[in-house]
Amino acid sequence: MPEGVILFDIGGGSSECVLLGRPLPTNGGPPAPEIRAWASLPVGVVTLAERMAASPSTAPCSRRDCEVGDFVDRFAALHGDRPAGIHLLGTSGT
């Protein structure tokens, strides 16, 4: 059984990350999630495309990838740095 979930929603102007722990047992109904951390990252599909359009990169770690990675690394460092047995669940618009 996983120790938690990182839920991420990729939007146009920003992306949200939520670290959920294991829910507590209930006597009925769906379990309430334990929200351990939440952050809104100032990177989304549109904002990245606009900022990176002027200088596309073909390097293995493009500027875009490194920028997103920096935000995600900060979130992980502040909130448990990749606990073992965690699931990733991503969502986005159309």
Protein backbone atom coordinates (compact mmCIF):
# COMPACT_ATOMS: atom_id res chain seq x y z
CA MET A 1 0.00 0.00 0.00
CA PRO A 2 1.38 3.45 -0.87
CA GLU A 3 2.42 5.83 1.87
CA GLY A 4 0.86 8.73 0.05
CA VAL A 5 0.05 10.46 -3.20
CA ILE A 6 1.38 13.49 -5.00
CA LEU A 7 -1.47 14.97 -7.00
CA PHE A 8 -0.47 17.51 -9.63
CA ASP A 9 -2.65 19.61 -11.89
CA ILE A 10 -0.99 21.23 -14.88
CA GLY A 11 -2.80 24.40 -15.87
CA GLY A 12 -2.24 27.13 -18.40
CA GLY A 13 -0.77 29.71 -16.04
CA SER A 14 0.24 27.62 -13.05
CA SER A 15 0.52 24.07 -11.76
CA GLU A 16 -0.61 22.82 -8.37
CA CYS A 17 1.03 20.08 -6.31
CA VAL A 18 -0.69 18.43 -3.34
CA LEU A 19 0.99 15.89 -1.08
CA LEU A 20 -1.60 13.56 0.42
CA GLY A 21 -0.91 11.11 3.22
CA ARG A 22 -2.76 7.91 3.95
CA PRO A 23 -6.38 8.61 4.87
CA LEU A 24 -7.57 7.74 8.36
CA PRO A 25 -10.04 4.84 8.63
CA THR A 26 -13.72 5.76 8.66
CA ASN A 27 -16.90 4.03 9.80
CA GLY A 28 -18.61 4.76 6.51
CA GLY A 29 -18.32 6.86 3.43
CA PRO A 30 -15.14 7.78 1.61
CA PRO A 31 -12.07 8.48 3.71
CA ALA A 32 -11.01 12.09 4.10
CA PRO A 33 -7.56 12.72 2.63
CA GLU A 34 -4.75 13.91 4.85
CA ILE A 35 -3.37 16.99 3.08
CA ARG A 36 0.27 17.25 4.14
CA ALA A 37 1.33 20.03 1.79
CA TRP A 38 0.07 22.13 -1.10
CA ALA A 39 1.80 24.55 -3.45
CA SER A 40 0.91 26.55 -6.53
CA LEU A 41 3.86 26.64 -8.89
CA PRO A 42 4.11 29.65 -11.24
CA VAL A 43 4.62 27.46 -14.29
CA GLY A 44 1.94 26.24 -16.66
CA VAL A 45 1.70 25.20 -20.27
CA VAL A 46 0.98 28.71 -21.57
CA THR A 47 3.39 30.60 -19.30
CA LEU A 48 6.24 28.23 -20.13
CA ALA A 49 5.51 28.33 -23.86
CA GLU A 50 5.47 32.14 -23.85
CA ARG A 51 8.70 32.44 -21.86
CA MET A 52 10.58 29.79 -23.81
CA ALA A 53 9.40 30.62 -27.36
CA ALA A 54 12.15 33.18 -27.86
CA SER A 55 14.96 30.76 -27.01
CA PRO A 56 14.19 27.11 -27.77
CA SER A 57 16.76 24.62 -26.50
CA THR A 58 17.84 21.22 -27.75
CA ALA A 59 20.09 20.48 -24.74
CA PRO A 60 19.27 17.33 -22.71
CA CYS A 61 18.09 19.52 -19.82
CA SER A 62 16.45 22.43 -21.51
CA ARG A 63 15.91 25.66 -19.65
CA ARG A 64 12.20 24.80 -19.41
CA ASP A 65 12.85 21.38 -17.87
CA CYS A 66 15.35 22.82 -15.40
CA GLU A 67 12.96 25.61 -14.37
CA VAL A 68 10.10 23.18 -13.68
CA GLY A 69 12.51 20.79 -11.95
CA ASP A 70 13.69 23.57 -9.63
CA PHE A 71 10.13 24.24 -8.43
CA VAL A 72 9.37 20.55 -7.95
CA ASP A 73 12.67 19.94 -6.13
CA ARG A 74 11.89 22.81 -3.71
CA PHE A 75 8.42 21.37 -3.04
CA ALA A 76 9.89 17.89 -2.39
CA ALA A 77 12.65 19.25 -0.14
CA LEU A 78 10.15 21.18 1.97
CA HIS A 79 7.65 18.36 2.25
CA GLY A 80 9.32 15.01 2.71
CA ASP A 81 11.64 14.55 -0.28
CA ARG A 82 10.11 11.61 -2.12
CA PRO A 83 8.75 9.24 0.52
CA ALA A 84 8.96 5.56 -0.40
CA GLY A 85 5.89 3.98 -1.92
CA ILE A 86 4.25 7.16 -3.16
CA HIS A 87 1.89 7.31 -6.12
CA LEU A 88 1.81 10.14 -8.66
CA LEU A 89 -1.54 11.26 -10.02
CA GLY A 90 -1.60 13.96 -12.68
CA THR A 91 -4.43 15.86 -14.25
CA SER A 92 -4.81 18.74 -16.67
CA GLY A 93 -7.40 20.41 -18.87
CA THR A 94 -8.20 19.48 -22.42
